[in-house]
């Protein structure tokens, strides 16, 4: 709409200028006829006839009348030049963005601004060319600016689509890596739990907890090993008809929930509860083992 408005304005200005150029001839004709009338009637009156026109004034008037439209052409051409320069700057900036992105945006990776740059160069010298020619050149620059702007928008759309595609692919890659890492961690945890739930794994857990939590050494572990071998064979799934459960044969098994919600499936949780029970009731595993030998329970 802006281009059409400027083009129509320049066309109107050109028409006004042409009209203004013809008006002096008409006025001169009127002035000549008036002078003839004055000559024929010389002596009849000493003052000019009513309606007589001063030739100098008549010639000057249309020149003033044509000044405003021509000035409008120059003003519109200046605005067109600004728009054209902005279009080139934006197209060049987008080309740099495309190159920096390294993305595939299709066959066209830049906008051709060569023709518009030539138009800009000519409009920059408009002060030394006829005003009407400036209008013609500005119309051409308007059209070329529109083409460059439209092409820039298309390329920007392609770049945006490529960026969104890359972002989606990156998000998918990160999600896949995270899922793989979580699966690997779960697998490792399951393997570790399975290993810890074996009799040998349970004994290794007991040694570590006894030492780090209670400061008990190998002498106490020897007693504990004998005690729990008798009670459950170090089987975390051990269960007897009375309801005693797990490696320490807690009665009922639900007591071990105080050590962890996974007490039914994790030997280490059962061991932690059993060592706590031994410490609070008997003081040491060897005391508990002595009681078991004497009473057949602990």
Protein backbone atom coordinates (compact mmCIF):
# COMPACT_ATOMS: atom_id res chain seq x y z
CA UNK A 1 0.00 0.00 0.00
CA UNK A 2 2.89 2.35 0.82
CA UNK A 3 4.49 1.71 -2.56
CA UNK A 4 1.21 2.27 -4.41
CA UNK A 5 0.59 5.48 -2.48
CA UNK A 6 4.03 6.83 -3.31
CA UNK A 7 3.74 5.80 -6.95
CA UNK A 8 0.30 7.41 -7.31
CA UNK A 9 1.52 10.53 -5.55
CA UNK A 10 4.47 10.79 -7.91
CA UNK A 11 2.21 10.24 -10.94
CA UNK A 12 -0.12 12.98 -9.72
CA UNK A 13 2.84 15.24 -9.10
CA UNK A 14 4.14 14.62 -12.59
CA UNK A 15 0.73 15.43 -14.09
CA UNK A 16 0.57 18.64 -12.06
CA UNK A 17 4.01 19.55 -13.24
CA UNK A 18 3.05 18.99 -16.89
CA UNK A 19 -0.12 21.03 -16.41
CA UNK A 20 1.86 23.79 -14.81
CA UNK A 21 4.26 23.75 -17.73
CA UNK A 22 1.38 24.39 -20.19
CA UNK A 23 -0.33 27.15 -18.21
CA UNK A 24 2.26 29.86 -18.97
CA UNK A 25 1.47 29.55 -22.72
CA UNK A 26 -2.23 30.24 -22.08
CA UNK A 27 -1.53 33.19 -19.86
CA UNK A 28 0.91 34.64 -22.40
CA UNK A 29 -1.78 34.43 -25.07
CA UNK A 30 -4.19 36.31 -22.85
CA UNK A 31 -1.53 38.87 -22.09
CA UNK A 32 -0.77 39.37 -25.81
CA UNK A 33 -4.43 39.91 -26.63
CA UNK A 34 -4.70 42.40 -23.84
CA UNK A 35 -1.73 44.35 -25.15
CA UNK A 36 -3.34 44.47 -28.61
CA UNK A 37 -6.52 45.83 -27.05
CA UNK A 38 -4.58 48.47 -25.26
CA UNK A 39 -2.90 49.56 -28.47
CA UNK A 40 -6.19 49.85 -30.34
CA UNK A 41 -7.78 51.86 -27.63
CA UNK A 42 -4.84 54.12 -26.85
CA UNK A 43 -5.96 57.52 -25.77
CA UNK A 44 -9.38 56.25 -24.76
CA UNK A 45 -8.20 55.66 -21.22
CA UNK A 46 -5.03 56.33 -19.31
CA UNK A 47 -5.30 53.22 -17.05
CA UNK A 48 -5.15 49.51 -18.01
CA UNK A 49 -8.38 47.83 -18.92
CA UNK A 50 -10.13 45.83 -16.21
CA UNK A 51 -8.89 42.20 -16.29
CA UNK A 52 -5.49 43.05 -17.85
CA UNK A 53 -2.71 40.65 -16.63
CA UNK A 54 0.90 41.54 -15.94
CA UNK A 55 2.94 39.09 -18.08
CA UNK A 56 5.71 38.79 -15.48
CA UNK A 57 3.23 37.82 -12.79
CA UNK A 58 1.46 35.37 -15.13
CA UNK A 59 4.69 33.54 -15.95
CA UNK A 60 5.81 33.39 -12.35
CA UNK A 61 2.52 32.02 -10.98
CA UNK A 62 2.57 28.57 -12.61
CA UNK A 63 6.17 28.04 -11.58
CA UNK A 64 5.12 28.44 -7.96
CA UNK A 65 2.06 26.23 -8.54
CA UNK A 66 4.24 23.38 -9.82
CA UNK A 67 6.78 23.54 -6.97
CA UNK A 68 4.83 21.58 -4.34
CA UNK A 69 4.18 18.39 -6.41
CA UNK A 70 7.82 18.18 -7.48
CA UNK A 71 8.91 18.57 -3.89
CA UNK A 72 6.61 15.70 -2.98
CA UNK A 73 8.33 13.50 -5.56
CA UNK A 74 11.68 14.27 -3.96
CA UNK A 75 10.30 13.56 -0.48
CA UNK A 76 8.83 10.23 -1.54
CA UNK A 77 12.06 9.26 -3.27
CA UNK A 78 13.95 9.95 -0.05
CA UNK A 79 11.59 7.67 1.88
CA UNK A 80 11.95 5.00 -0.81
CA UNK A 81 15.73 5.22 -0.51
CA UNK A 82 15.52 4.69 3.27
CA UNK A 83 13.26 1.66 2.81
CA UNK A 84 15.56 0.21 0.18
CA UNK A 85 18.65 0.57 2.37
CA UNK A 86 16.84 -1.06 5.31
CA UNK A 87 15.78 -3.98 3.10
CA UNK A 88 19.40 -4.56 2.03
CA UNK A 89 20.67 -4.41 5.62
CA UNK A 90 18.06 -6.93 6.79
CA UNK A 91 18.77 -9.27 3.88
CA UNK A 92 22.52 -9.18 4.58
CA UNK A 93 21.98 -9.76 8.31
CA UNK A 94 19.81 -12.76 7.54
CA UNK A 95 22.44 -14.17 5.16
CA UNK A 96 25.00 -13.96 7.99
CA UNK A 97 22.57 -15.73 10.36
CA UNK A 98 22.04 -18.54 7.86
CA UNK A 99 25.79 -19.04 7.41
CA UNK A 100 26.41 -18.96 11.17
CA UNK A 101 23.66 -21.49 11.84
CA UNK A 102 25.17 -24.11 9.55
CA UNK A 103 21.63 -25.35 8.88
CA UNK A 104 20.14 -26.64 5.65
CA UNK A 105 17.59 -24.02 4.61
CA UNK A 106 17.19 -25.24 1.04
CA UNK A 107 18.72 -24.15 -2.24
CA UNK A 108 18.53 -20.40 -1.52
CA UNK A 109 20.78 -19.36 1.33
CA UNK A 110 20.74 -15.62 0.63
CA UNK A 111 18.64 -12.88 -0.97
CA UNK A 112 19.91 -11.27 -4.19
CA UNK A 113 20.10 -7.52 -3.50
CA UNK A 114 22.38 -6.54 -6.38
CA UNK A 115 19.65 -4.86 -8.45
CA UNK A 116 18.32 -2.96 -5.44
CA UNK A 117 21.83 -1.82 -4.54
CA UNK A 118 22.18 -0.37 -8.04
CA UNK A 119 18.89 1.46 -7.58
CA UNK A 120 20.12 2.79 -4.25
CA UNK A 121 23.33 4.04 -5.86
CA UNK A 122 21.31 5.93 -8.46
CA UNK A 123 18.89 7.40 -5.93
CA UNK A 124 21.83 8.57 -3.84
CA UNK A 125 22.70 10.82 -6.81
CA UNK A 126 19.12 12.05 -7.31
CA UNK A 127 20.06 15.63 -6.47
CA UNK A 128 21.81 15.93 -9.86
CA UNK A 129 19.03 14.44 -12.03
CA UNK A 130 15.65 15.79 -13.19
CA UNK A 131 12.94 15.42 -10.57
CA UNK A 132 10.58 13.54 -12.90
CA UNK A 133 13.34 11.01 -13.61
CA UNK A 134 13.78 10.61 -9.86
CA UNK A 135 10.13 9.59 -9.63
CA UNK A 136 10.56 6.90 -12.29
CA UNK A 137 13.66 5.55 -10.59
CA UNK A 138 11.94 5.59 -7.19
CA UNK A 139 9.04 3.54 -8.63
CA UNK A 140 11.53 0.92 -9.81
CA UNK A 141 13.27 0.92 -6.43
CA UNK A 142 9.89 0.50 -4.70
CA UNK A 143 9.17 -2.64 -6.70
CA UNK A 144 12.65 -4.07 -6.17
CA UNK A 145 12.44 -3.33 -2.42
CA UNK A 146 9.17 -5.25 -2.24
CA UNK A 147 10.81 -8.22 -3.96
CA UNK A 148 13.79 -8.19 -1.59
CA UNK A 149 11.54 -7.90 1.48
CA UNK A 150 9.35 -10.79 0.30
CA UNK A 151 12.38 -12.97 -0.44
CA UNK A 152 13.85 -12.12 2.97
CA UNK A 153 10.64 -13.20 4.67
CA UNK A 154 10.69 -16.53 2.80
CA UNK A 155 14.32 -17.17 3.75
CA UNK A 156 13.63 -16.20 7.36
CA UNK A 157 10.79 -18.71 7.42
CA UNK A 158 13.09 -21.42 6.11
CA UNK A 159 15.73 -20.60 8.74
CA UNK A 160 13.15 -20.59 11.54
CA UNK A 161 11.81 -23.97 10.41
CA UNK A 162 15.35 -25.40 10.29
CA UNK A 163 16.10 -24.03 13.77
CA UNK A 164 12.91 -25.54 15.16
CA UNK A 165 13.74 -28.87 13.54
CA UNK A 166 17.23 -28.86 15.04
CA UNK A 167 15.83 -27.95 18.47
CA UNK A 168 13.35 -30.83 18.27
CA UNK A 169 16.07 -33.26 17.21
CA UNK A 170 18.34 -32.08 20.01
CA UNK A 171 15.54 -32.46 22.56
CA UNK A 172 14.85 -35.98 21.28
CA UNK A 173 18.55 -36.85 21.48
CA UNK A 174 18.84 -35.57 25.05
CA UNK A 175 15.68 -37.43 26.05
CA UNK A 176 16.98 -40.65 24.48
CA UNK A 177 20.34 -40.30 26.24
CA UNK A 178 18.62 -39.61 29.55
CA UNK A 179 16.33 -42.61 29.11
CA UNK A 180 19.33 -44.80 28.25
CA UNK A 181 21.24 -43.52 31.29
CA UNK A 182 18.27 -44.17 33.55
CA UNK A 183 17.83 -47.65 32.13
CA UNK A 184 21.52 -48.38 32.63
CA UNK A 185 21.38 -47.08 36.20
CA UNK A 186 18.29 -49.18 36.92
CA UNK A 187 20.01 -52.22 35.46
CA UNK A 188 23.11 -51.61 37.55
CA UNK A 189 21.00 -51.11 40.66
CA UNK A 190 19.10 -54.31 39.97
CA UNK A 191 22.36 -56.18 39.45
CA UNK A 192 23.80 -54.72 42.64
CA UNK A 193 20.68 -55.61 44.58
CA UNK A 194 20.68 -59.12 43.20
CA UNK A 195 24.31 -59.49 44.21
CA UNK A 196 23.65 -58.03 47.67
CA UNK A 197 20.73 -60.38 48.17
CA UNK A 198 22.87 -63.50 47.80
CA UNK A 199 24.21 -65.01 51.03
CA UNK A 200 27.74 -63.83 50.24
CA UNK A 201 26.46 -60.38 49.26
CA UNK A 202 24.44 -60.17 52.48
CA UNK A 203 27.52 -61.08 54.53
CA UNK A 204 29.53 -58.36 52.77
CA UNK A 205 26.81 -55.83 53.57
CA UNK A 206 26.77 -56.96 57.20
CA UNK A 207 30.55 -56.56 57.53
CA UNK A 208 30.35 -53.00 56.14
CA UNK A 209 27.40 -51.92 58.34
CA UNK A 210 28.89 -53.52 61.51
CA UNK A 211 32.16 -51.68 61.02
CA UNK A 212 30.81 -48.28 59.96
CA UNK A 213 27.84 -48.08 62.33
CA UNK A 214 28.87 -50.05 65.43
CA UNK A 215 32.64 -50.39 65.20
CA UNK A 216 32.45 -54.17 65.44
CA UNK A 217 35.28 -56.23 63.98
CA UNK A 218 35.80 -59.74 62.65
CA UNK A 219 35.30 -61.43 66.04
CA UNK A 220 31.77 -60.05 66.21
CA UNK A 221 31.13 -60.88 62.60
CA UNK A 222 32.09 -64.49 63.26
CA UNK A 223 29.40 -64.68 65.95
CA UNK A 224 26.86 -62.95 63.70
CA UNK A 225 27.65 -65.29 60.82
CA UNK A 226 27.01 -68.31 63.04
CA UNK A 227 23.79 -66.79 64.45
CA UNK A 228 22.16 -65.93 61.13
CA UNK A 229 23.37 -69.09 59.41
CA UNK A 230 21.42 -70.97 62.08
CA UNK A 231 18.36 -68.68 61.84
CA UNK A 232 17.96 -68.26 58.07
CA UNK A 233 21.02 -69.40 56.18
CA UNK A 234 21.44 -65.70 55.23
CA UNK A 235 18.41 -66.00 52.91
CA UNK A 236 16.51 -62.73 52.70
CA UNK A 237 13.39 -64.66 51.63
CA UNK A 238 13.46 -67.06 54.61
CA UNK A 239 10.13 -67.54 56.36
CA UNK A 240 9.04 -70.01 59.03
CA UNK A 241 5.54 -71.11 60.09
CA UNK A 242 5.60 -68.85 63.16
CA UNK A 243 5.91 -65.80 60.90
CA UNK A 244 9.58 -65.05 61.50
CA UNK A 245 10.90 -63.44 58.33
CA UNK A 246 14.14 -62.67 56.50
CA UNK A 247 17.79 -63.00 57.42
CA UNK A 248 17.38 -61.90 61.06
CA UNK A 249 14.07 -63.81 61.39
CA UNK A 250 12.13 -60.74 62.59
CA UNK A 251 8.81 -61.65 64.18
CA UNK A 252 6.66 -60.36 62.65
CA UNK A 253 8.50 -59.42 59.50
CA UNK A 254 6.75 -56.03 59.32
CA UNK A 255 8.98 -54.79 62.15
CA UNK A 256 11.75 -54.34 59.59
CA UNK A 257 9.77 -51.58 57.85
CA UNK A 258 11.32 -49.22 60.39
CA UNK A 259 14.63 -49.73 58.56
CA UNK A 260 13.19 -49.21 55.07
CA UNK A 261 10.14 -49.73 52.92
CA UNK A 262 12.00 -52.31 50.81
CA UNK A 263 12.52 -54.70 53.73
CA UNK A 264 10.84 -57.54 51.85
CA UNK A 265 13.20 -57.37 48.85
CA UNK A 266 16.46 -55.90 50.15
CA UNK A 267 18.84 -57.94 52.29
CA UNK A 268 20.74 -54.82 53.36
CA UNK A 269 17.58 -53.33 54.87
CA UNK A 270 16.95 -56.54 56.81
CA UNK A 271 20.56 -56.58 58.02
CA UNK A 272 20.37 -52.95 59.16
CA UNK A 273 17.28 -53.73 61.21
CA UNK A 274 18.75 -56.98 62.62
CA UNK A 275 21.98 -55.31 63.75
CA UNK A 276 20.00 -52.55 65.41
CA UNK A 277 17.90 -55.13 67.25
CA UNK A 278 21.00 -57.05 68.41
CA UNK A 279 22.68 -53.85 69.59
CA UNK A 280 19.67 -52.68 71.59
CA UNK A 281 18.76 -56.06 73.14
CA UNK A 282 22.09 -57.92 73.51
CA UNK A 283 24.77 -55.29 73.02
CA UNK A 284 26.87 -57.37 70.58
CA UNK A 285 26.42 -60.21 68.09
CA UNK A 286 28.48 -62.55 70.30
CA UNK A 287 26.09 -61.99 73.23
CA UNK A 288 23.16 -62.68 70.94
CA UNK A 289 24.85 -65.84 69.68
CA UNK A 290 25.47 -67.07 73.24
CA UNK A 291 21.79 -66.52 74.09
CA UNK A 292 20.72 -68.39 70.96
CA UNK A 293 22.96 -71.32 71.83
CA UNK A 294 21.50 -71.46 75.31
CA UNK A 295 17.82 -70.79 74.50
CA UNK A 296 17.57 -71.79 70.82
CA UNK A 297 16.20 -68.33 70.00
CA UNK A 298 17.34 -64.74 70.38
